[in-house]
Amino acid sequence: MTARKCIALIAHDEKKDDMAAFAREHSQALRGCRIVATGTTGGRVLETCPELDVTRLKSGPLGGDQQIGALIATGEVDMLIFFVDPLTAMPHDVDVKALMRLAIVYDIPMALNEATARQLLTLAA
């Protein structure tokens, strides 16, 4: 028996509604996965899809991005879905870049927008 895939979900403030809608639309595929998410994003996903197995970490700016980075570095995360808002300045942009760097270094699939996230979920199914 193979272990369930672990997917990390993160969304910038202006993309949290999009992430919740994405989770609702893909709840069947996500139901078979363990999900780790930054605080508010995880809360929004759970409100929308209470049936999903979501572990909420700290808010991104308060260390949640780094918590997910640590899970990537220890091999506990199989895929990162991060809905980035490219039009709003992020005060914790350095943390975001470090998280993306870890996903690249550890060679895990990473989606930064919904179109790519849909493709990754389809491939993972």
PDB file of N, CA and C in Angstrom:
ATOM      1  N   MET A   1       0.844  -1.189   0.000  1.00  0.00           N
ATOM      2  CA  MET A   1       0.000   0.000   0.000  1.00  0.00           C
ATOM      3  C   MET A   1       0.882   1.242   0.000  1.00  0.00           C
ATOM      4  N   THR A   2       0.617   2.171  -0.888  1.00  0.00           N
ATOM      5  CA  THR A   2       1.401   3.388  -0.958  1.00  0.00           C
ATOM      6  C   THR A   2       0.845   4.425   0.011  1.00  0.00           C
ATOM      7  N   ALA A   3       1.733   5.242   0.542  1.00  0.00           N
ATOM      8  CA  ALA A   3       1.319   6.305   1.452  1.00  0.00           C
ATOM      9  C   ALA A   3       0.545   7.364   0.674  1.00  0.00           C
ATOM     10  N   ARG A   4      -0.368   8.000   1.377  1.00  0.00           N
ATOM     11  CA  ARG A   4      -1.112   9.093   0.743  1.00  0.00           C
ATOM     12  C   ARG A   4      -0.168  10.238   0.420  1.00  0.00           C
ATOM     13  N   LYS A   5      -0.394  10.856  -0.705  1.00  0.00           N
ATOM     14  CA  LYS A   5       0.394  12.025  -1.091  1.00  0.00           C
ATOM     15  C   LYS A   5       0.066  13.176  -0.143  1.00  0.00           C
ATOM     16  N   CYS A   6       1.069  13.981   0.115  1.00  0.00           N
ATOM     17  CA  CYS A   6       0.880  15.187   0.926  1.00  0.00           C
ATOM     18  C   CYS A   6       1.012  16.392   0.009  1.00  0.00           C
ATOM     19  N   ILE A   7      -0.019  17.222   0.006  1.00  0.00           N
ATOM     20  CA  ILE A   7      -0.042  18.425  -0.828  1.00  0.00           C
ATOM     21  C   ILE A   7      -0.068  19.643   0.088  1.00  0.00           C
ATOM     22  N   ALA A   8       0.822  20.591  -0.172  1.00  0.00           N
ATOM     23  CA  ALA A   8       0.835  21.854   0.566  1.00  0.00           C
ATOM     24  C   ALA A   8       0.024  22.883  -0.215  1.00  0.00           C
ATOM     25  N   LEU A   9      -0.881  23.567   0.473  1.00  0.00           N
ATOM     26  CA  LEU A   9      -1.711  24.608  -0.138  1.00  0.00           C
ATOM     27  C   LEU A   9      -1.429  25.946   0.533  1.00  0.00           C
ATOM     28  N   ILE A  10      -1.136  26.934  -0.292  1.00  0.00           N
ATOM     29  CA  ILE A  10      -0.896  28.299   0.186  1.00  0.00           C
ATOM     30  C   ILE A  10      -1.555  29.239  -0.814  1.00  0.00           C
ATOM     31  N   ALA A  11      -2.116  30.327  -0.307  1.00  0.00           N
ATOM     32  CA  ALA A  11      -2.681  31.342  -1.206  1.00  0.00           C
ATOM     33  C   ALA A  11      -2.485  32.720  -0.591  1.00  0.00           C
ATOM     34  N   HIS A  12      -2.034  33.645  -1.397  1.00  0.00           N
ATOM     35  CA  HIS A  12      -1.978  35.032  -0.949  1.00  0.00           C
ATOM     36  C   HIS A  12      -3.397  35.528  -0.696  1.00  0.00           C
ATOM     37  N   ASP A  13      -3.521  36.602   0.065  1.00  0.00           N
ATOM     38  CA  ASP A  13      -4.839  37.091   0.487  1.00  0.00           C
ATOM     39  C   ASP A  13      -5.827  37.239  -0.663  1.00  0.00           C
ATOM     40  N   GLU A  14      -5.399  37.838  -1.759  1.00  0.00           N
ATOM     41  CA  GLU A  14      -6.304  38.071  -2.884  1.00  0.00           C
ATOM     42  C   GLU A  14      -6.626  36.794  -3.661  1.00  0.00           C
ATOM     43  N   LYS A  15      -5.995  35.689  -3.304  1.00  0.00           N
ATOM     44  CA  LYS A  15      -6.213  34.418  -4.013  1.00  0.00           C
ATOM     45  C   LYS A  15      -6.866  33.357  -3.127  1.00  0.00           C
ATOM     46  N   LYS A  16      -7.206  33.699  -1.890  1.00  0.00           N
ATOM     47  CA  LYS A  16      -7.787  32.706  -0.973  1.00  0.00           C
ATOM     48  C   LYS A  16      -9.150  32.210  -1.459  1.00  0.00           C
ATOM     49  N   ASP A  17      -9.976  33.098  -2.007  1.00  0.00           N
ATOM     50  CA  ASP A  17     -11.263  32.669  -2.563  1.00  0.00           C
ATOM     51  C   ASP A  17     -11.043  31.698  -3.717  1.00  0.00           C
ATOM     52  N   ASP A  18     -10.042  31.977  -4.547  1.00  0.00           N
ATOM     53  CA  ASP A  18      -9.728  31.086  -5.668  1.00  0.00           C
ATOM     54  C   ASP A  18      -9.280  29.718  -5.159  1.00  0.00           C
ATOM     55  N   MET A  19      -8.486  29.695  -4.084  1.00  0.00           N
ATOM     56  CA  MET A  19      -8.022  28.416  -3.534  1.00  0.00           C
ATOM     57  C   MET A  19      -9.189  27.623  -2.956  1.00  0.00           C
ATOM     58  N   ALA A  20     -10.086  28.290  -2.249  1.00  0.00           N
ATOM     59  CA  ALA A  20     -11.252  27.597  -1.687  1.00  0.00           C
ATOM     60  C   ALA A  20     -12.119  27.021  -2.811  1.00  0.00           C
ATOM     61  N   ALA A  21     -12.308  27.791  -3.871  1.00  0.00           N
ATOM     62  CA  ALA A  21     -13.095  27.305  -5.012  1.00  0.00           C
ATOM     63  C   ALA A  21     -12.376  26.146  -5.700  1.00  0.00           C
ATOM     64  N   PHE A  22     -11.061  26.229  -5.823  1.00  0.00           N
ATOM     65  CA  PHE A  22     -10.272  25.146  -6.417  1.00  0.00           C
ATOM     66  C   PHE A  22     -10.429  23.871  -5.590  1.00  0.00           C
ATOM     67  N   ALA A  23     -10.332  23.994  -4.277  1.00  0.00           N
ATOM     68  CA  ALA A  23     -10.482  22.823  -3.401  1.00  0.00           C
ATOM     69  C   ALA A  23     -11.873  22.211  -3.546  1.00  0.00           C
ATOM     70  N   ARG A  24     -12.888  23.050  -3.616  1.00  0.00           N
ATOM     71  CA  ARG A  24     -14.261  22.540  -3.780  1.00  0.00           C
ATOM     72  C   ARG A  24     -14.388  21.812  -5.114  1.00  0.00           C
ATOM     73  N   GLU A  25     -13.867  22.411  -6.180  1.00  0.00           N
ATOM     74  CA  GLU A  25     -13.958  21.816  -7.510  1.00  0.00           C
ATOM     75  C   GLU A  25     -13.193  20.493  -7.604  1.00  0.00           C
ATOM     76  N   HIS A  26     -12.108  20.371  -6.849  1.00  0.00           N
ATOM     77  CA  HIS A  26     -11.248  19.189  -6.933  1.00  0.00           C
ATOM     78  C   HIS A  26     -11.267  18.367  -5.643  1.00  0.00           C
ATOM     79  N   SER A  27     -12.344  18.480  -4.893  1.00  0.00           N
ATOM     80  CA  SER A  27     -12.398  17.807  -3.592  1.00  0.00           C
ATOM     81  C   SER A  27     -12.268  16.286  -3.716  1.00  0.00           C
ATOM     82  N   GLN A  28     -12.753  15.709  -4.792  1.00  0.00           N
ATOM     83  CA  GLN A  28     -12.614  14.250  -4.975  1.00  0.00           C
ATOM     84  C   GLN A  28     -11.148  13.858  -5.052  1.00  0.00           C
ATOM     85  N   ALA A  29     -10.370  14.563  -5.837  1.00  0.00           N
ATOM     86  CA  ALA A  29      -8.942  14.254  -5.965  1.00  0.00           C
ATOM     87  C   ALA A  29      -8.205  14.552  -4.661  1.00  0.00           C
ATOM     88  N   LEU A  30      -8.568  15.639  -3.990  1.00  0.00           N
ATOM     89  CA  LEU A  30      -7.892  16.033  -2.760  1.00  0.00           C
ATOM     90  C   LEU A  30      -8.277  15.147  -1.577  1.00  0.00           C
ATOM     91  N   ARG A  31      -9.428  14.525  -1.648  1.00  0.00           N
ATOM     92  CA  ARG A  31      -9.907  13.688  -0.549  1.00  0.00           C
ATOM     93  C   ARG A  31      -8.936  12.545  -0.241  1.00  0.00           C
ATOM     94  N   GLY A  32      -8.249  12.062  -1.240  1.00  0.00           N
ATOM     95  CA  GLY A  32      -7.312  10.965  -1.034  1.00  0.00           C
ATOM     96  C   GLY A  32      -5.937  11.412  -0.576  1.00  0.00           C
ATOM     97  N   CYS A  33      -5.777  12.701  -0.310  1.00  0.00           N
ATOM     98  CA  CYS A  33      -4.462  13.256   0.048  1.00  0.00           C
ATOM     99  C   CYS A  33      -4.478  13.816   1.463  1.00  0.00           C
ATOM    100  N   ARG A  34      -3.292  13.901   2.017  1.00  0.00           N
ATOM    101  CA  ARG A  34      -3.090  14.649   3.258  1.00  0.00           C
ATOM    102  C   ARG A  34      -2.714  16.054   2.817  1.00  0.00           C
ATOM    103  N   ILE A  35      -3.321  17.050   3.429  1.00  0.00           N
ATOM    104  CA  ILE A  35      -3.085  18.439   3.038  1.00  0.00           C
ATOM    105  C   ILE A  35      -2.501  19.204   4.216  1.00  0.00           C
ATOM    106  N   VAL A  36      -1.441  19.958   3.946  1.00  0.00           N
ATOM    107  CA  VAL A  36      -0.928  20.923   4.913  1.00  0.00           C
ATOM    108  C   VAL A  36      -1.121  22.287   4.285  1.00  0.00           C
ATOM    109  N   ALA A  37      -1.514  23.243   5.096  1.00  0.00           N
ATOM    110  CA  ALA A  37      -1.807  24.570   4.551  1.00  0.00           C
ATOM    111  C   ALA A  37      -1.434  25.635   5.571  1.00  0.00           C
ATOM    112  N   THR A  38      -1.094  26.799   5.064  1.00  0.00           N
ATOM    113  CA  THR A  38      -0.879  27.923   5.967  1.00  0.00           C
ATOM    114  C   THR A  38      -2.221  28.275   6.601  1.00  0.00           C
ATOM    115  N   GLY A  39      -2.168  28.960   7.734  1.00  0.00           N
ATOM    116  CA  GLY A  39      -3.322  29.171   8.604  1.00  0.00           C
ATOM    117  C   GLY A  39      -4.627  29.585   7.976  1.00  0.00           C
ATOM    118  N   THR A  40      -4.673  30.770   7.414  1.00  0.00           N
ATOM    119  CA  THR A  40      -5.936  31.280   6.874  1.00  0.00           C
ATOM    120  C   THR A  40      -6.364  30.493   5.642  1.00  0.00           C
ATOM    121  N   THR A  41      -5.421  30.139   4.793  1.00  0.00           N
ATOM    122  CA  THR A  41      -5.758  29.335   3.611  1.00  0.00           C
ATOM    123  C   THR A  41      -6.369  28.007   4.041  1.00  0.00           C
ATOM    124  N   GLY A  42      -5.744  27.345   5.006  1.00  0.00           N
ATOM    125  CA  GLY A  42      -6.281  26.076   5.501  1.00  0.00           C
ATOM    126  C   GLY A  42      -7.666  26.233   6.090  1.00  0.00           C
ATOM    127  N   GLY A  43      -7.892  27.324   6.799  1.00  0.00           N
ATOM    128  CA  GLY A  43      -9.218  27.584   7.362  1.00  0.00           C
ATOM    129  C   GLY A  43     -10.270  27.761   6.289  1.00  0.00           C
ATOM    130  N   ARG A  44      -9.926  28.493   5.250  1.00  0.00           N
ATOM    131  CA  ARG A  44     -10.874  28.720   4.149  1.00  0.00           C
ATOM    132  C   ARG A  44     -11.178  27.413   3.417  1.00  0.00           C
ATOM    133  N   VAL A  45     -10.144  26.587   3.211  1.00  0.00           N
ATOM    134  CA  VAL A  45     -10.356  25.297   2.536  1.00  0.00           C
ATOM    135  C   VAL A  45     -11.246  24.406   3.398  1.00  0.00           C
ATOM    136  N   LEU A  46     -11.011  24.380   4.711  1.00  0.00           N
ATOM    137  CA  LEU A  46     -11.843  23.557   5.607  1.00  0.00           C
ATOM    138  C   LEU A  46     -13.287  24.043   5.661  1.00  0.00           C
ATOM    139  N   GLU A  47     -13.490  25.355   5.631  1.00  0.00           N
ATOM    140  CA  GLU A  47     -14.859  25.889   5.598  1.00  0.00           C
ATOM    141  C   GLU A  47     -15.589  25.397   4.359  1.00  0.00           C
ATOM    142  N   THR A  48     -14.895  25.379   3.246  1.00  0.00           N
ATOM    143  CA  THR A  48     -15.481  24.991   1.969  1.00  0.00           C
ATOM    144  C   THR A  48     -15.606  23.478   1.836  1.00  0.00           C
ATOM    145  N   CYS A  49     -14.623  22.746   2.337  1.00  0.00           N
ATOM    146  CA  CYS A  49     -14.555  21.283   2.181  1.00  0.00           C
ATOM    147  C   CYS A  49     -14.207  20.637   3.521  1.00  0.00           C
ATOM    148  N   PRO A  50     -15.150  20.572   4.449  1.00  0.00           N
ATOM    149  CA  PRO A  50     -14.841  20.024   5.776  1.00  0.00           C
ATOM    150  C   PRO A  50     -14.443  18.554   5.755  1.00  0.00           C
ATOM    151  N   GLU A  51     -14.700  17.874   4.651  1.00  0.00           N
ATOM    152  CA  GLU A  51     -14.367  16.451   4.560  1.00  0.00           C
ATOM    153  C   GLU A  51     -12.884  16.202   4.279  1.00  0.00           C
ATOM    154  N   LEU A  52     -12.142  17.244   3.926  1.00  0.00           N
ATOM    155  CA  LEU A  52     -10.728  17.067   3.585  1.00  0.00           C
ATOM    156  C   LEU A  52      -9.867  16.974   4.854  1.00  0.00           C
ATOM    157  N   ASP A  53      -8.760  16.248   4.729  1.00  0.00           N
ATOM    158  CA  ASP A  53      -7.791  16.083   5.811  1.00  0.00           C
ATOM    159  C   ASP A  53      -6.775  17.215   5.715  1.00  0.00           C
ATOM    160  N   VAL A  54      -7.054  18.325   6.423  1.00  0.00           N
ATOM    161  CA  VAL A  54      -6.214  19.522   6.341  1.00  0.00           C
ATOM    162  C   VAL A  54      -5.571  19.792   7.691  1.00  0.00           C
ATOM    163  N   THR A  55      -4.256  19.904   7.691  1.00  0.00           N
ATOM    164  CA  THR A  55      -3.517  20.335   8.876  1.00  0.00           C
ATOM    165  C   THR A  55      -3.153  21.792   8.666  1.00  0.00           C
ATOM    166  N   ARG A  56      -3.661  22.631   9.560  1.00  0.00           N
ATOM    167  CA  ARG A  56      -3.371  24.066   9.453  1.00  0.00           C
ATOM    168  C   ARG A  56      -2.103  24.392  10.216  1.00  0.00           C
ATOM    169  N   LEU A  57      -1.213  25.115   9.563  1.00  0.00           N
ATOM    170  CA  LEU A  57       0.018  25.587  10.186  1.00  0.00           C
ATOM    171  C   LEU A  57      -0.153  27.068  10.507  1.00  0.00           C
ATOM    172  N   LYS A  58       0.906  27.727  10.852  1.00  0.00           N
ATOM    173  CA  LYS A  58       0.824  29.160  11.128  1.00  0.00           C
ATOM    174  C   LYS A  58       0.513  29.934   9.852  1.00  0.00           C
ATOM    175  N   SER A  59       0.076  31.158  10.016  1.00  0.00           N
ATOM    176  CA  SER A  59      -0.111  32.059   8.889  1.00  0.00           C
ATOM    177  C   SER A  59       1.232  32.235   8.188  1.00  0.00           C
ATOM    178  N   GLY A  60       1.199  32.415   6.870  1.00  0.00           N
ATOM    179  CA  GLY A  60       2.428  32.548   6.090  1.00  0.00           C
ATOM    180  C   GLY A  60       3.421  33.547   6.649  1.00  0.00           C
ATOM    181  N   PRO A  61       3.008  34.801   6.878  1.00  0.00           N
ATOM    182  CA  PRO A  61       3.954  35.804   7.382  1.00  0.00           C
ATOM    183  C   PRO A  61       4.450  35.520   8.803  1.00  0.00           C
ATOM    184  N   LEU A  62       3.730  34.668   9.539  1.00  0.00           N
ATOM    185  CA  LEU A  62       4.117  34.356  10.913  1.00  0.00           C
ATOM    186  C   LEU A  62       4.890  33.049  11.025  1.00  0.00           C
ATOM    187  N   GLY A  63       5.346  32.529   9.882  1.00  0.00           N
ATOM    188  CA  GLY A  63       6.176  31.329   9.909  1.00  0.00           C
ATOM    189  C   GLY A  63       5.597  30.133   9.184  1.00  0.00           C
ATOM    190  N   GLY A  64       4.374  30.226   8.716  1.00  0.00           N
ATOM    191  CA  GLY A  64       3.748  29.098   8.021  1.00  0.00           C
ATOM    192  C   GLY A  64       4.470  28.705   6.743  1.00  0.00           C
ATOM    193  N   ASP A  65       4.945  29.700   5.999  1.00  0.00           N
ATOM    194  CA  ASP A  65       5.717  29.398   4.785  1.00  0.00           C
ATOM    195  C   ASP A  65       6.963  28.597   5.152  1.00  0.00           C
ATOM    196  N   GLN A  66       7.615  28.991   6.243  1.00  0.00           N
ATOM    197  CA  GLN A  66       8.821  28.281   6.673  1.00  0.00           C
ATOM    198  C   GLN A  66       8.502  26.891   7.203  1.00  0.00           C
ATOM    199  N   GLN A  67       7.355  26.730   7.870  1.00  0.00           N
ATOM    200  CA  GLN A  67       6.954  25.395   8.312  1.00  0.00           C
ATOM    201  C   GLN A  67       6.776  24.467   7.112  1.00  0.00           C
ATOM    202  N   ILE A  68       6.129  24.962   6.074  1.00  0.00           N
ATOM    203  CA  ILE A  68       5.954  24.146   4.875  1.00  0.00           C
ATOM    204  C   ILE A  68       7.308  23.887   4.217  1.00  0.00           C
ATOM    205  N   GLY A  69       8.183  24.880   4.216  1.00  0.00           N
ATOM    206  CA  GLY A  69       9.528  24.678   3.688  1.00  0.00           C
ATOM    207  C   GLY A  69      10.257  23.562   4.426  1.00  0.00           C
ATOM    208  N   ALA A  70      10.117  23.514   5.734  1.00  0.00           N
ATOM    209  CA  ALA A  70      10.745  22.451   6.518  1.00  0.00           C
ATOM    210  C   ALA A  70      10.169  21.092   6.143  1.00  0.00           C
ATOM    211  N   LEU A  71       8.865  21.019   5.911  1.00  0.00           N
ATOM    212  CA  LEU A  71       8.235  19.753   5.502  1.00  0.00           C
ATOM    213  C   LEU A  71       8.717  19.322   4.123  1.00  0.00           C
ATOM    214  N   ILE A  72       8.955  20.290   3.256  1.00  0.00           N
ATOM    215  CA  ILE A  72       9.514  19.967   1.938  1.00  0.00           C
ATOM    216  C   ILE A  72      10.925  19.407   2.112  1.00  0.00           C
ATOM    217  N   ALA A  73      11.733  20.060   2.949  1.00  0.00           N
ATOM    218  CA  ALA A  73      13.126  19.649   3.141  1.00  0.00           C
ATOM    219  C   ALA A  73      13.241  18.264   3.778  1.00  0.00           C
ATOM    220  N   THR A  74      12.258  17.863   4.561  1.00  0.00           N
ATOM    221  CA  THR A  74      12.295  16.543   5.198  1.00  0.00           C
ATOM    222  C   THR A  74      11.579  15.479   4.366  1.00  0.00           C
ATOM    223  N   GLY A  75      11.135  15.864   3.166  1.00  0.00           N
ATOM    224  CA  GLY A  75      10.513  14.891   2.269  1.00  0.00           C
ATOM    225  C   GLY A  75       9.073  14.562   2.581  1.00  0.00           C
ATOM    226  N   GLU A  76       8.432  15.384   3.396  1.00  0.00           N
ATOM    227  CA  GLU A  76       7.052  15.096   3.804  1.00  0.00           C
ATOM    228  C   GLU A  76       6.002  15.685   2.867  1.00  0.00           C
ATOM    229  N   VAL A  77       6.398  16.605   1.989  1.00  0.00           N
ATOM    230  CA  VAL A  77       5.469  17.224   1.045  1.00  0.00           C
ATOM    231  C   VAL A  77       5.793  16.724  -0.350  1.00  0.00           C
ATOM    232  N   ASP A  78       4.774  16.249  -1.054  1.00  0.00           N
ATOM    233  CA  ASP A  78       4.943  15.714  -2.406  1.00  0.00           C
ATOM    234  C   ASP A  78       4.639  16.721  -3.502  1.00  0.00           C
ATOM    235  N   MET A  79       3.878  17.766  -3.162  1.00  0.00           N
ATOM    236  CA  MET A  79       3.453  18.739  -4.172  1.00  0.00           C
ATOM    237  C   MET A  79       3.106  20.051  -3.477  1.00  0.00           C
ATOM    238  N   LEU A  80       3.443  21.158  -4.112  1.00  0.00           N
ATOM    239  CA  LEU A  80       3.128  22.489  -3.590  1.00  0.00           C
ATOM    240  C   LEU A  80       2.195  23.193  -4.563  1.00  0.00           C
ATOM    241  N   ILE A  81       1.053  23.640  -4.043  1.00  0.00           N
ATOM    242  CA  ILE A  81       0.136  24.475  -4.828  1.00  0.00           C
ATOM    243  C   ILE A  81       0.063  25.813  -4.102  1.00  0.00           C
ATOM    244  N   PHE A  82       0.572  26.833  -4.756  1.00  0.00           N
ATOM    245  CA  PHE A  82       0.699  28.153  -4.146  1.00  0.00           C
ATOM    246  C   PHE A  82       0.078  29.161  -5.101  1.00  0.00           C
ATOM    247  N   PHE A  83      -1.122  29.644  -4.787  1.00  0.00           N
ATOM    248  CA  PHE A  83      -1.769  30.648  -5.627  1.00  0.00           C
ATOM    249  C   PHE A  83      -1.184  32.016  -5.266  1.00  0.00           C
ATOM    250  N   VAL A  84      -0.303  32.492  -6.116  1.00  0.00           N
ATOM    251  CA  VAL A  84       0.434  33.727  -5.910  1.00  0.00           C
ATOM    252  C   VAL A  84      -0.339  34.896  -6.498  1.00  0.00           C
ATOM    253  N   ASP A  85      -0.359  36.003  -5.772  1.00  0.00           N
ATOM    254  CA  ASP A  85      -0.937  37.246  -6.289  1.00  0.00           C
ATOM    255  C   ASP A  85       0.210  38.100  -6.821  1.00  0.00           C
ATOM    256  N   PRO A  86       0.387  38.146  -8.143  1.00  0.00           N
ATOM    257  CA  PRO A  86       1.532  38.877  -8.694  1.00  0.00           C
ATOM    258  C   PRO A  86       1.343  40.398  -8.705  1.00  0.00           C
ATOM    259  N   LEU A  87       0.152  40.866  -8.361  1.00  0.00           N
ATOM    260  CA  LEU A  87      -0.133  42.293  -8.477  1.00  0.00           C
ATOM    261  C   LEU A  87      -0.069  43.043  -7.151  1.00  0.00           C
ATOM    262  N   THR A  88       0.187  42.337  -6.058  1.00  0.00           N
ATOM    263  CA  THR A  88       0.236  42.971  -4.750  1.00  0.00           C
ATOM    264  C   THR A  88       1.606  42.730  -4.127  1.00  0.00           C
ATOM    265  N   ALA A  89       2.207  43.796  -3.595  1.00  0.00           N
ATOM    266  CA  ALA A  89       3.503  43.662  -2.919  1.00  0.00           C
ATOM    267  C   ALA A  89       3.313  42.859  -1.635  1.00  0.00           C
ATOM    268  N   MET A  90       4.231  41.937  -1.382  1.00  0.00           N
ATOM    269  CA  MET A  90       4.165  41.092  -0.198  1.00  0.00           C
ATOM    270  C   MET A  90       5.297  41.460   0.753  1.00  0.00           C
ATOM    271  N   PRO A  91       4.967  41.850   1.991  1.00  0.00           N
ATOM    272  CA  PRO A  91       6.038  42.207   2.920  1.00  0.00           C
ATOM    273  C   PRO A  91       6.925  41.015   3.281  1.00  0.00           C
ATOM    274  N   HIS A  92       6.401  39.815   3.157  1.00  0.00           N
ATOM    275  CA  HIS A  92       7.196  38.615   3.474  1.00  0.00           C
ATOM    276  C   HIS A  92       7.651  37.898   2.205  1.00  0.00           C
ATOM    277  N   ASP A  93       7.911  38.677   1.164  1.00  0.00           N
ATOM    278  CA  ASP A  93       8.309  38.131  -0.135  1.00  0.00           C
ATOM    279  C   ASP A  93       9.565  37.261  -0.048  1.00  0.00           C
ATOM    280  N   VAL A  94      10.458  37.576   0.867  1.00  0.00           N
ATOM    281  CA  VAL A  94      11.683  36.797   1.039  1.00  0.00           C
ATOM    282  C   VAL A  94      11.330  35.362   1.455  1.00  0.00           C
ATOM    283  N   ASP A  95      10.339  35.207   2.339  1.00  0.00           N
ATOM    284  CA  ASP A  95       9.906  33.879   2.772  1.00  0.00           C
ATOM    285  C   ASP A  95       9.302  33.096   1.612  1.00  0.00           C
ATOM    286  N   VAL A  96       8.532  33.791   0.790  1.00  0.00           N
ATOM    287  CA  VAL A  96       7.900  33.162  -0.364  1.00  0.00           C
ATOM    288  C   VAL A  96       8.962  32.659  -1.334  1.00  0.00           C
ATOM    289  N   LYS A  97       9.952  33.477  -1.604  1.00  0.00           N
ATOM    290  CA  LYS A  97      11.034  33.066  -2.506  1.00  0.00           C
ATOM    291  C   LYS A  97      11.815  31.891  -1.936  1.00  0.00           C
ATOM    292  N   ALA A  98      12.036  31.879  -0.635  1.00  0.00           N
ATOM    293  CA  ALA A  98      12.747  30.758  -0.011  1.00  0.00           C
ATOM    294  C   ALA A  98      11.937  29.468  -0.148  1.00  0.00           C
ATOM    295  N   LEU A  99      10.635  29.565   0.003  1.00  0.00           N
ATOM    296  CA  LEU A  99       9.775  28.385  -0.137  1.00  0.00           C
ATOM    297  C   LEU A  99       9.825  27.846  -1.564  1.00  0.00           C
ATOM    298  N   MET A 100       9.745  28.717  -2.539  1.00  0.00           N
ATOM    299  CA  MET A 100       9.826  28.284  -3.932  1.00  0.00           C
ATOM    300  C   MET A 100      11.202  27.685  -4.231  1.00  0.00           C
ATOM    301  N   ARG A 101      12.246  28.268  -3.674  1.00  0.00           N
ATOM    302  CA  ARG A 101      13.604  27.733  -3.861  1.00  0.00           C
ATOM    303  C   ARG A 101      13.681  26.298  -3.329  1.00  0.00           C
ATOM    304  N   LEU A 102      13.099  26.042  -2.152  1.00  0.00           N
ATOM    305  CA  LEU A 102      13.118  24.691  -1.588  1.00  0.00           C
ATOM    306  C   LEU A 102      12.371  23.702  -2.476  1.00  0.00           C
ATOM    307  N   ALA A 103      11.239  24.124  -3.014  1.00  0.00           N
ATOM    308  CA  ALA A 103      10.491  23.237  -3.913  1.00  0.00           C
ATOM    309  C   ALA A 103      11.330  22.881  -5.131  1.00  0.00           C
ATOM    310  N   ILE A 104      12.113  23.830  -5.614  1.00  0.00           N
ATOM    311  CA  ILE A 104      12.980  23.575  -6.766  1.00  0.00           C
ATOM    312  C   ILE A 104      14.147  22.671  -6.361  1.00  0.00           C
ATOM    313  N   VAL A 105      14.799  22.986  -5.248  1.00  0.00           N
ATOM    314  CA  VAL A 105      15.950  22.201  -4.793  1.00  0.00           C
ATOM    315  C   VAL A 105      15.568  20.747  -4.547  1.00  0.00           C
ATOM    316  N   TYR A 106      14.407  20.530  -3.921  1.00  0.00           N
ATOM    317  CA  TYR A 106      13.971  19.169  -3.597  1.00  0.00           C
ATOM    318  C   TYR A 106      13.131  18.546  -4.705  1.00  0.00           C
ATOM    319  N   ASP A 107      13.025  19.253  -5.823  1.00  0.00           N
ATOM    320  CA  ASP A 107      12.416  18.725  -7.038  1.00  0.00           C
ATOM    321  C   ASP A 107      11.007  18.182  -6.824  1.00  0.00           C
ATOM    322  N   ILE A 108      10.178  18.991  -6.152  1.00  0.00           N
ATOM    323  CA  ILE A 108       8.777  18.587  -6.020  1.00  0.00           C
ATOM    324  C   ILE A 108       7.943  19.419  -6.991  1.00  0.00           C
ATOM    325  N   PRO A 109       6.873  18.842  -7.511  1.00  0.00           N
ATOM    326  CA  PRO A 109       5.999  19.605  -8.413  1.00  0.00           C
ATOM    327  C   PRO A 109       5.436  20.827  -7.693  1.00  0.00           C
ATOM    328  N   MET A 110       5.417  21.958  -8.394  1.00  0.00           N
ATOM    329  CA  MET A 110       4.957  23.211  -7.809  1.00  0.00           C
ATOM    330  C   MET A 110       4.077  23.937  -8.816  1.00  0.00           C
ATOM    331  N   ALA A 111       2.885  24.298  -8.379  1.00  0.00           N
ATOM    332  CA  ALA A 111       1.980  25.097  -9.207  1.00  0.00           C
ATOM    333  C   ALA A 111       1.842  26.468  -8.557  1.00  0.00           C
ATOM    334  N   LEU A 112       1.970  27.504  -9.352  1.00  0.00           N
ATOM    335  CA  LEU A 112       1.824  28.862  -8.848  1.00  0.00           C
ATOM    336  C   LEU A 112       0.550  29.530  -9.353  1.00  0.00           C
ATOM    337  N   ASN A 113      -0.235  28.788 -10.130  1.00  0.00           N
ATOM    338  CA  ASN A 113      -1.519  29.301 -10.589  1.00  0.00           C
ATOM    339  C   ASN A 113      -2.484  28.116 -10.762  1.00  0.00           C
ATOM    340  N   GLU A 114      -3.741  28.440 -10.974  1.00  0.00           N
ATOM    341  CA  GLU A 114      -4.771  27.407 -11.029  1.00  0.00           C
ATOM    342  C   GLU A 114      -4.622  26.474 -12.225  1.00  0.00           C
ATOM    343  N   ALA A 115      -4.244  26.997 -13.371  1.00  0.00           N
ATOM    344  CA  ALA A 115      -4.112  26.154 -14.562  1.00  0.00           C
ATOM    345  C   ALA A 115      -3.072  25.054 -14.333  1.00  0.00           C
ATOM    346  N   THR A 116      -1.947  25.411 -13.761  1.00  0.00           N
ATOM    347  CA  THR A 116      -0.909  24.413 -13.486  1.00  0.00           C
ATOM    348  C   THR A 116      -1.347  23.458 -12.390  1.00  0.00           C
ATOM    349  N   ALA A 117      -2.018  23.977 -11.373  1.00  0.00           N
ATOM    350  CA  ALA A 117      -2.505  23.128 -10.278  1.00  0.00           C
ATOM    351  C   ALA A 117      -3.460  22.050 -10.808  1.00  0.00           C
ATOM    352  N   ARG A 118      -4.344  22.419 -11.710  1.00  0.00           N
ATOM    353  CA  ARG A 118      -5.263  21.425 -12.298  1.00  0.00           C
ATOM    354  C   ARG A 118      -4.480  20.330 -13.004  1.00  0.00           C
ATOM    355  N   GLN A 119      -3.467  20.720 -13.754  1.00  0.00           N
ATOM    356  CA  GLN A 119      -2.643  19.742 -14.470  1.00  0.00           C
ATOM    357  C   GLN A 119      -1.920  18.806 -13.492  1.00  0.00           C
ATOM    358  N   LEU A 120      -1.362  19.361 -12.431  1.00  0.00           N
ATOM    359  CA  LEU A 120      -0.650  18.525 -11.460  1.00  0.00           C
ATOM    360  C   LEU A 120      -1.578  17.531 -10.788  1.00  0.00           C
ATOM    361  N   LEU A 121      -2.772  17.981 -10.422  1.00  0.00           N
ATOM    362  CA  LEU A 121      -3.730  17.057  -9.786  1.00  0.00           C
ATOM    363  C   LEU A 121      -4.148  15.952 -10.750  1.00  0.00           C
ATOM    364  N   THR A 122      -4.312  16.296 -11.999  1.00  0.00           N
ATOM    365  CA  THR A 122      -4.680  15.289 -12.997  1.00  0.00           C
ATOM    366  C   THR A 122      -3.578  14.249 -13.142  1.00  0.00           C
ATOM    367  N   LEU A 123      -2.336  14.684 -13.170  1.00  0.00           N
ATOM    368  CA  LEU A 123      -1.210  13.765 -13.281  1.00  0.00           C
ATOM    369  C   LEU A 123      -1.045  12.915 -12.033  1.00  0.00           C
ATOM    370  N   ALA A 124      -1.355  13.481 -10.877  1.00  0.00           N
ATOM    371  CA  ALA A 124      -1.171  12.762  -9.620  1.00  0.00           C
ATOM    372  C   ALA A 124      -2.253  11.725  -9.377  1.00  0.00           C
ATOM    373  N   ALA A 125      -3.386  11.883 -10.035  1.00  0.00           N
ATOM    374  CA  ALA A 125      -4.514  10.966  -9.798  1.00  0.00           C
ATOM    375  C   ALA A 125      -4.276   9.572 -10.349  1.00  0.00           C
TER     376      ALA A 125
END
